[in-house]
Protein backbone atom coordinates (compact mmCIF):
# COMPACT_ATOMS: atom_id res chain seq x y z
CA MET A 1 0.00 0.00 0.00
CA LYS A 2 1.45 3.34 -1.06
CA PRO A 3 1.84 6.06 1.60
CA GLU A 4 -1.02 8.58 1.57
CA ARG A 5 -0.07 12.24 1.23
CA VAL A 6 -1.35 14.32 4.15
CA TYR A 7 -0.77 17.77 5.63
CA LEU A 8 1.36 18.47 8.69
CA ASP A 9 -1.63 19.27 10.90
CA GLN A 10 -2.94 15.72 10.33
CA LEU A 11 0.14 14.06 11.85
CA THR A 12 0.63 12.81 15.40
CA GLU A 13 3.01 10.47 17.24
CA LYS A 14 0.88 7.53 16.03
CA SER A 15 0.94 8.42 12.33
CA LYS A 16 2.13 5.68 9.95
CA GLY A 17 2.01 5.04 6.20
CA TYR A 18 1.99 8.71 5.19
CA LYS A 19 4.01 11.22 3.20
CA VAL A 20 4.10 15.00 3.31
CA LYS A 21 5.19 17.65 0.84
CA VAL A 22 7.05 20.42 2.64
CA LYS A 23 9.41 23.34 2.12
CA VAL A 24 12.36 23.98 4.47
CA VAL A 25 11.64 27.58 5.47
CA GLU A 26 14.30 27.69 8.22
CA LYS A 27 17.59 25.82 8.57
CA GLY A 28 19.66 26.71 11.61
CA PRO A 29 23.35 26.22 12.40
CA GLU A 30 24.54 23.07 14.13
CA ARG A 31 24.85 23.50 17.89
CA ASN A 32 25.00 21.61 21.16
CA SER A 33 21.84 21.31 23.21
CA PRO A 34 22.38 23.37 26.41
CA SER A 35 20.47 20.82 28.50
CA LYS A 36 21.60 17.45 27.04
CA GLY A 37 24.86 18.35 25.28
CA ILE A 38 23.68 16.64 22.06
CA LEU A 39 24.76 18.05 18.69
CA PHE A 40 21.68 19.04 16.67
CA GLN A 41 20.48 21.26 13.85
CA GLY A 42 17.02 22.83 13.88
CA LEU A 43 14.72 23.04 10.84
CA VAL A 44 11.25 24.45 10.22
CA MET A 45 9.04 22.74 7.62
CA GLU A 46 5.99 24.32 5.92
CA ASP A 47 3.33 22.52 3.86
CA ASP A 48 1.09 23.87 1.10
CA LYS A 49 -1.58 24.88 3.62
CA GLY A 50 0.86 27.05 5.54
CA ASN A 51 1.17 24.66 8.49
CA ARG A 52 4.60 24.82 10.10
CA MET A 53 6.40 22.22 12.19
CA ARG A 54 9.81 22.13 13.81
CA ALA A 55 12.23 19.34 12.77
CA ALA A 56 15.72 18.36 13.89
CA LEU A 57 18.82 16.51 12.72
CA PHE A 58 21.04 14.89 15.35
CA GLY A 59 24.72 13.89 15.46
CA ASN A 60 26.08 12.49 12.18
CA GLN A 61 22.74 13.13 10.47
CA ILE A 62 23.86 16.76 10.11
CA ASP A 63 26.68 15.81 7.72
CA VAL A 64 24.65 13.09 6.00
CA TYR A 65 21.85 15.53 5.13
CA LYS A 66 24.05 18.62 4.66
CA GLU A 67 23.55 18.74 0.89
CA ALA A 68 20.36 16.67 0.77
CA ILE A 69 18.24 19.11 2.82
CA GLU A 70 18.68 22.72 1.69
CA HIS A 71 17.20 25.90 3.07
CA LEU A 72 14.14 26.78 0.91
CA GLY A 73 14.27 23.39 -0.80
CA SER A 74 11.01 21.44 -1.34
CA TYR A 75 10.80 17.76 -0.36
CA GLU A 76 8.49 14.81 -0.08
CA ILE A 77 9.05 13.07 3.25
CA ALA A 78 7.67 9.71 4.34
CA ASN A 79 7.91 7.73 7.58
CA ALA A 80 9.58 10.39 9.74
CA THR A 81 8.89 10.12 13.47
CA PHE A 82 7.15 12.68 15.68
CA LYS A 83 7.12 13.65 19.31
CA ALA A 84 5.48 16.45 21.23
CA SER A 85 7.63 19.60 21.39
CA ASP A 86 8.86 20.60 24.83
CA GLU A 87 7.42 23.71 26.47
CA TYR A 88 10.49 25.87 25.72
CA TRP A 89 10.18 25.48 21.95
CA LYS A 90 6.39 25.83 22.06
CA ALA A 91 6.72 29.18 23.84
CA LYS A 92 9.69 30.42 21.80
CA TYR A 93 8.02 29.87 18.43
CA ALA A 94 4.40 30.49 19.43
CA LYS A 95 4.19 33.72 17.38
CA TYR A 96 5.19 31.81 14.24
CA GLY A 97 2.28 29.39 14.58
CA LEU A 98 4.30 26.16 14.80
CA LEU A 99 2.42 22.94 15.43
CA GLY A 100 3.03 21.20 18.74
CA TYR A 101 5.11 18.32 17.34
CA GLN A 102 8.75 17.93 16.31
CA MET A 103 9.78 15.83 13.30
CA SER A 104 12.93 13.68 13.31
CA PHE A 105 14.42 11.25 10.80
CA GLY A 106 14.98 7.63 11.79
CA SER A 107 16.29 4.77 9.64
CA GLN A 108 12.86 4.30 7.99
CA ALA A 109 12.52 7.91 6.85
CA VAL A 110 12.54 8.61 3.11
CA ILE A 111 13.37 12.14 1.87
CA GLN A 112 13.02 12.99 -1.81
CA ARG A 113 13.86 16.39 -3.34
CA MET A 114 11.14 17.90 -5.51
CA ASN A 115 12.42 19.31 -8.83
CA ALA A 116 15.98 18.12 -8.12
CA GLU A 117 16.96 18.94 -11.71
CA SER A 118 16.59 22.67 -10.98
CA GLY A 119 19.91 22.70 -9.11
CA PRO A 120 20.82 24.25 -5.75
CA VAL A 121 18.61 26.90 -4.15
CA LEU A 122 20.22 30.33 -4.65
CA PRO A 123 19.58 33.53 -2.68
CA GLU A 124 16.99 35.91 -4.14
CA TYR A 125 18.78 39.20 -3.47
CA GLN A 126 16.77 42.40 -3.35
CA CYS A 127 17.53 46.10 -2.85
CA LEU A 128 17.22 47.58 0.64
CA ALA A 129 14.64 50.06 -0.62
CA THR A 130 12.31 47.23 -1.71
CA ILE A 131 12.08 45.63 1.75
CA PRO A 132 8.60 46.47 3.06
CA ARG A 133 8.30 48.34 6.36
CA VAL A 134 5.05 46.46 7.02
CA TYR A 135 5.68 42.73 6.98
CA ASP A 136 4.73 39.34 8.37
CA PRO A 137 7.09 38.06 11.13
CA THR A 138 7.75 34.97 8.99
CA ASP A 139 8.97 37.05 6.01
CA ARG A 140 12.67 36.65 5.16
CA PHE A 141 14.87 38.86 2.96
CA ASP A 142 18.14 38.27 1.08
CA ILE A 143 20.32 41.33 0.38
CA VAL A 144 23.72 42.33 -0.98
CA ALA A 145 25.07 45.43 0.74
CA VAL A 146 28.16 47.50 1.48
CA VAL A 147 29.37 47.20 5.08
CA LEU A 148 29.96 50.66 6.62
CA TYR A 149 30.49 49.66 10.24
CA LEU A 150 30.96 46.52 12.35
CA GLU A 151 30.65 46.66 16.12
CA GLU A 152 34.07 45.80 17.54
CA GLU A 153 32.88 42.95 19.77
CA ALA A 154 29.69 41.03 20.46
CA ARG A 155 27.62 42.08 23.47
CA LYS A 156 25.62 39.89 25.86
CA VAL A 157 21.92 40.63 26.24
CA THR A 158 19.23 38.88 28.27
CA GLY A 159 16.19 37.72 26.34
CA PHE A 160 13.54 35.01 26.30
CA GLU A 161 13.28 33.12 29.63
CA GLN A 162 16.24 35.17 30.97
CA ARG A 163 18.66 33.38 28.65
CA GLU A 164 21.82 35.21 27.58
CA TYR A 165 22.39 35.86 23.88
CA LEU A 166 25.28 37.38 21.92
CA VAL A 167 24.48 40.27 19.58
CA ARG A 168 26.59 42.41 17.25
CA GLU A 169 25.66 45.44 15.14
CA ILE A 170 26.48 45.96 11.48
CA VAL A 171 25.62 49.06 9.43
CA VAL A 172 25.03 48.56 5.70
CA THR A 173 23.79 50.44 2.64
CA ASP A 174 23.34 49.98 -1.10
CA HIS A 175 22.67 52.12 -4.18
CA SER A 176 18.89 52.07 -3.62
CA ASN A 177 18.92 53.47 -0.10
CA GLU A 178 20.29 56.89 0.90
CA GLN A 179 19.94 56.11 4.60
CA PRO A 180 22.18 53.36 6.04
CA ILE A 181 20.38 50.51 7.81
CA THR A 182 21.44 48.85 11.04
CA MET A 183 21.53 45.06 11.11
CA THR A 184 21.90 42.89 14.21
CA VAL A 185 23.37 39.39 14.06
CA TRP A 186 22.93 36.91 16.87
CA ASN A 187 24.79 34.12 18.65
CA GLU A 188 26.93 31.93 16.32
CA LEU A 189 27.03 34.63 13.63
CA THR A 190 28.71 37.16 15.95
CA GLY A 191 32.09 35.35 15.99
CA GLU A 192 34.03 33.76 13.13
CA HIS A 193 31.29 34.53 10.60
CA CYS A 194 31.79 38.28 11.19
CA LYS A 195 35.58 38.26 10.79
CA PRO A 196 35.58 38.92 7.01
CA LEU A 197 33.37 41.97 7.62
CA SER A 198 36.19 43.70 9.53
CA SER A 199 37.59 44.75 6.14
CA TRP A 200 35.17 47.70 6.28
CA VAL A 201 37.96 49.65 8.02
CA GLU A 202 40.12 49.63 4.86
CA GLN A 203 37.57 49.29 2.07
CA PHE A 204 33.89 49.18 1.29
CA THR A 205 33.28 45.50 0.59
CA VAL A 206 30.05 43.97 -0.73
CA PHE A 207 28.66 41.02 1.23
CA GLY A 208 25.56 38.87 0.92
CA PHE A 209 23.16 38.31 3.84
CA THR A 210 20.37 35.77 3.59
CA ALA A 211 17.13 35.08 5.48
CA LEU A 212 17.01 38.37 7.39
CA ARG A 213 13.92 39.50 9.30
CA GLY A 214 12.56 43.00 9.78
CA SER A 215 12.48 44.73 13.16
CA PHE A 216 11.21 48.04 14.52
CA HIS A 217 13.52 48.23 17.52
CA GLU A 218 14.77 51.86 17.61
CA GLY A 219 13.54 52.44 14.06
CA PHE A 220 13.39 50.00 11.18
CA SER A 221 16.31 47.57 11.11
CA LEU A 222 17.17 44.05 10.01
CA GLY A 223 18.12 41.06 12.14
CA SER A 224 19.55 37.61 11.57
CA THR A 225 17.46 34.45 11.92
CA MET A 226 18.37 30.81 12.47
CA SER A 227 18.79 30.48 8.66
CA THR A 228 20.93 33.57 8.02
CA ARG A 229 24.25 33.14 6.21
CA ILE A 230 26.93 35.77 5.60
CA ILE A 231 28.34 35.32 2.07
CA THR A 232 31.78 36.85 1.60
CA ASP A 233 31.83 36.90 -2.21
CA PRO A 234 28.25 36.89 -3.48
CA LYS A 235 27.83 35.79 -7.11
CA ALA A 236 24.92 37.64 -8.65
CA GLU A 237 24.20 40.44 -11.11
CA ARG A 238 22.95 42.62 -8.28
CA ALA A 239 26.23 42.12 -6.37
CA ASP A 240 28.31 43.00 -9.46
CA ALA A 241 26.26 46.14 -10.04
CA LEU A 242 26.73 47.20 -6.42
CA ARG A 243 30.51 46.73 -6.65
CA GLU A 244 30.58 49.02 -9.68
CA TRP A 245 28.48 51.59 -7.82
CA VAL A 246 30.90 51.49 -4.86
CA LYS A 247 33.84 52.34 -7.14
CA ASN A 248 32.14 55.58 -8.15
CA ARG A 249 30.85 56.53 -4.69
CA THR A 250 33.85 55.92 -2.42
CA ASP A 251 34.14 59.59 -1.45
CA TRP A 252 30.47 59.78 -0.52
CA LEU A 253 30.61 56.54 1.47
CA SER A 254 33.70 57.78 3.35
CA VAL A 255 31.88 60.75 4.90
CA LEU A 256 28.90 58.79 6.23
CA ASP A 257 29.00 59.23 10.00
CA VAL A 258 28.60 55.55 10.93
CA ARG A 259 32.13 54.32 11.68
CA ASN A 260 32.18 55.58 15.25
CA PRO A 261 28.58 56.30 16.22
CA THR A 262 28.51 58.18 19.51
CA LYS A 263 26.11 57.61 22.37
CA GLU A 264 26.96 60.97 23.98
CA LYS A 265 24.11 63.39 24.62
CA VAL A 266 25.08 66.26 22.29
CA ILE A 267 22.76 69.27 22.32
CA ILE A 268 22.21 70.73 18.84
CA THR A 269 20.27 73.72 17.49
CA LEU A 270 17.12 73.74 15.41
CA ASP A 271 19.15 75.05 12.46
CA SER A 272 21.49 72.03 12.74
CA LEU A 273 18.53 69.68 12.91
CA LYS A 274 17.13 71.14 9.66
CA LEU A 275 20.36 70.13 7.89
CA LYS A 276 19.87 66.44 8.69
CA ARG A 277 19.14 64.28 5.65
CA PRO A 278 18.76 60.50 5.08
CA TYR A 279 22.35 60.22 3.80
CA ASN A 280 23.92 61.63 7.00
CA THR A 281 21.59 60.22 9.65
CA LEU A 282 21.15 56.72 11.10
CA GLN A 283 17.65 55.57 12.00
CA GLU A 284 18.58 54.98 15.66
CA GLN A 285 20.23 58.38 16.22
CA ARG A 286 18.73 60.60 18.92
CA HIS A 287 19.15 64.38 18.86
CA TRP A 288 18.81 66.64 21.87
CA LEU A 289 17.49 70.21 21.80
CA ARG A 290 17.50 72.88 24.52
CA VAL A 291 14.27 74.84 24.15
CA THR A 292 12.05 77.21 26.08
CA ILE A 293 8.34 76.49 26.40
CA PRO A 294 6.69 79.92 26.77
CA ASN A 295 3.34 78.80 28.15
CA PRO A 296 3.65 75.33 29.69
CA GLN A 297 0.49 73.53 30.75
CA MET A 298 1.78 72.11 34.02
CA SER A 299 -1.43 70.19 34.70
CA THR A 300 -0.74 67.86 31.77
CA ILE A 301 2.77 66.87 32.92
CA ASN A 302 3.06 63.38 34.41
CA ALA A 303 6.52 63.23 36.00
CA TYR A 304 8.09 60.24 37.74
CA LEU A 305 11.44 58.55 38.44
CA GLY A 306 12.41 55.50 36.39
CA CYS A 307 15.02 53.45 34.56
CA SER A 308 17.12 55.54 32.17
CA ALA A 309 17.16 52.61 29.69
CA CYS A 310 13.58 51.33 29.47
CA GLY A 311 11.67 53.93 31.53
CA ARG A 312 10.15 51.55 34.09
CA ARG A 313 8.83 53.44 37.12
CA GLY A 314 10.62 53.08 40.43
CA ASP A 315 10.94 54.67 43.87
CA ILE A 316 14.75 54.89 43.88
CA PRO A 317 16.17 58.41 44.49
CA ALA A 318 17.20 60.35 41.38
CA GLY A 319 20.80 59.79 40.30
CA THR A 320 21.13 56.45 42.11
CA SER A 321 22.68 53.55 40.17
CA TYR A 322 20.85 50.20 40.23
CA THR A 323 19.96 47.14 38.10
CA CYS A 324 16.56 47.42 36.45
CA THR A 325 14.28 44.45 37.19
CA ARG A 326 12.63 44.72 33.76
CA CYS A 327 15.45 45.20 31.22
CA LYS A 328 18.29 43.94 33.52
CA ALA A 329 20.44 46.94 32.52
CA ASP A 330 22.86 48.66 34.92
CA THR A 331 21.00 51.95 34.97
CA VAL A 332 20.41 55.22 36.83
CA SER A 333 17.17 56.48 38.37
CA THR A 334 16.19 59.37 36.10
CA PRO A 335 13.31 61.91 36.06
CA LYS A 336 10.84 61.02 33.32
């Protein structure tokens, strides 16, 4: 009896004699499980109905399936095994609508590439200006861009379930976008993968970045995902065109004020503010003005003391240093 094709939302731990058609919409780096110390690689599969399910490769499976399972490749899979996802993964990926099971590949699993004759899956590079500012959280973008700044070292931040993550900032631009865009890369990408980008100090080099997501943290920016790759020598017409553009715009790129962005509170005038344009301003820059309000409506002012980083209210005296219970930053109690 031939396996019956079903959708992901029809599968459970008891499913047998089935096959599914799926696309690999996420393929993460290999890593060790923090709890069990097992080497694994995370995947996210999506079927034609839009159902999504997490999958995983373990141990030597990672090398065995390295070329066989590609990011954005489409496959027909039969006789994989399923188990209920643990609570951590359910909570972490809840906003992406993942089903409550995890797929794994035992000795009976059969994986067949759809349209194998079409060759490897290549990035679909697009201009920065074409990335929509209104997007679905599952949208992913591939770009080629000139690196204007790389944060010297990765920083530790506290995120989901108080876990520590590494993050590093990159500032990029291209010929379609007058205003540079900040990109954040996370965890494994902050180390060896970023080393080639350090050439921004001597020259404006074009790199490829795949599977980026949009973010509105401190203005529109881009961030890495589990599937993001940094490509040091992208092969594409768009990359070649950008390299030619860089040759003719080196002087302009050199004056962009992104190499040493300052966090100092510098007070400027209204006349100086009027001179700001997209080409000389980053989206996360903050400008301070000293002004006089001739007729203040004091009754509408709601003043309090709080964290200088996230603004959470507190009863700690002004000017006192402390650790914020919300954002975990070493902060100072500041009038708000």
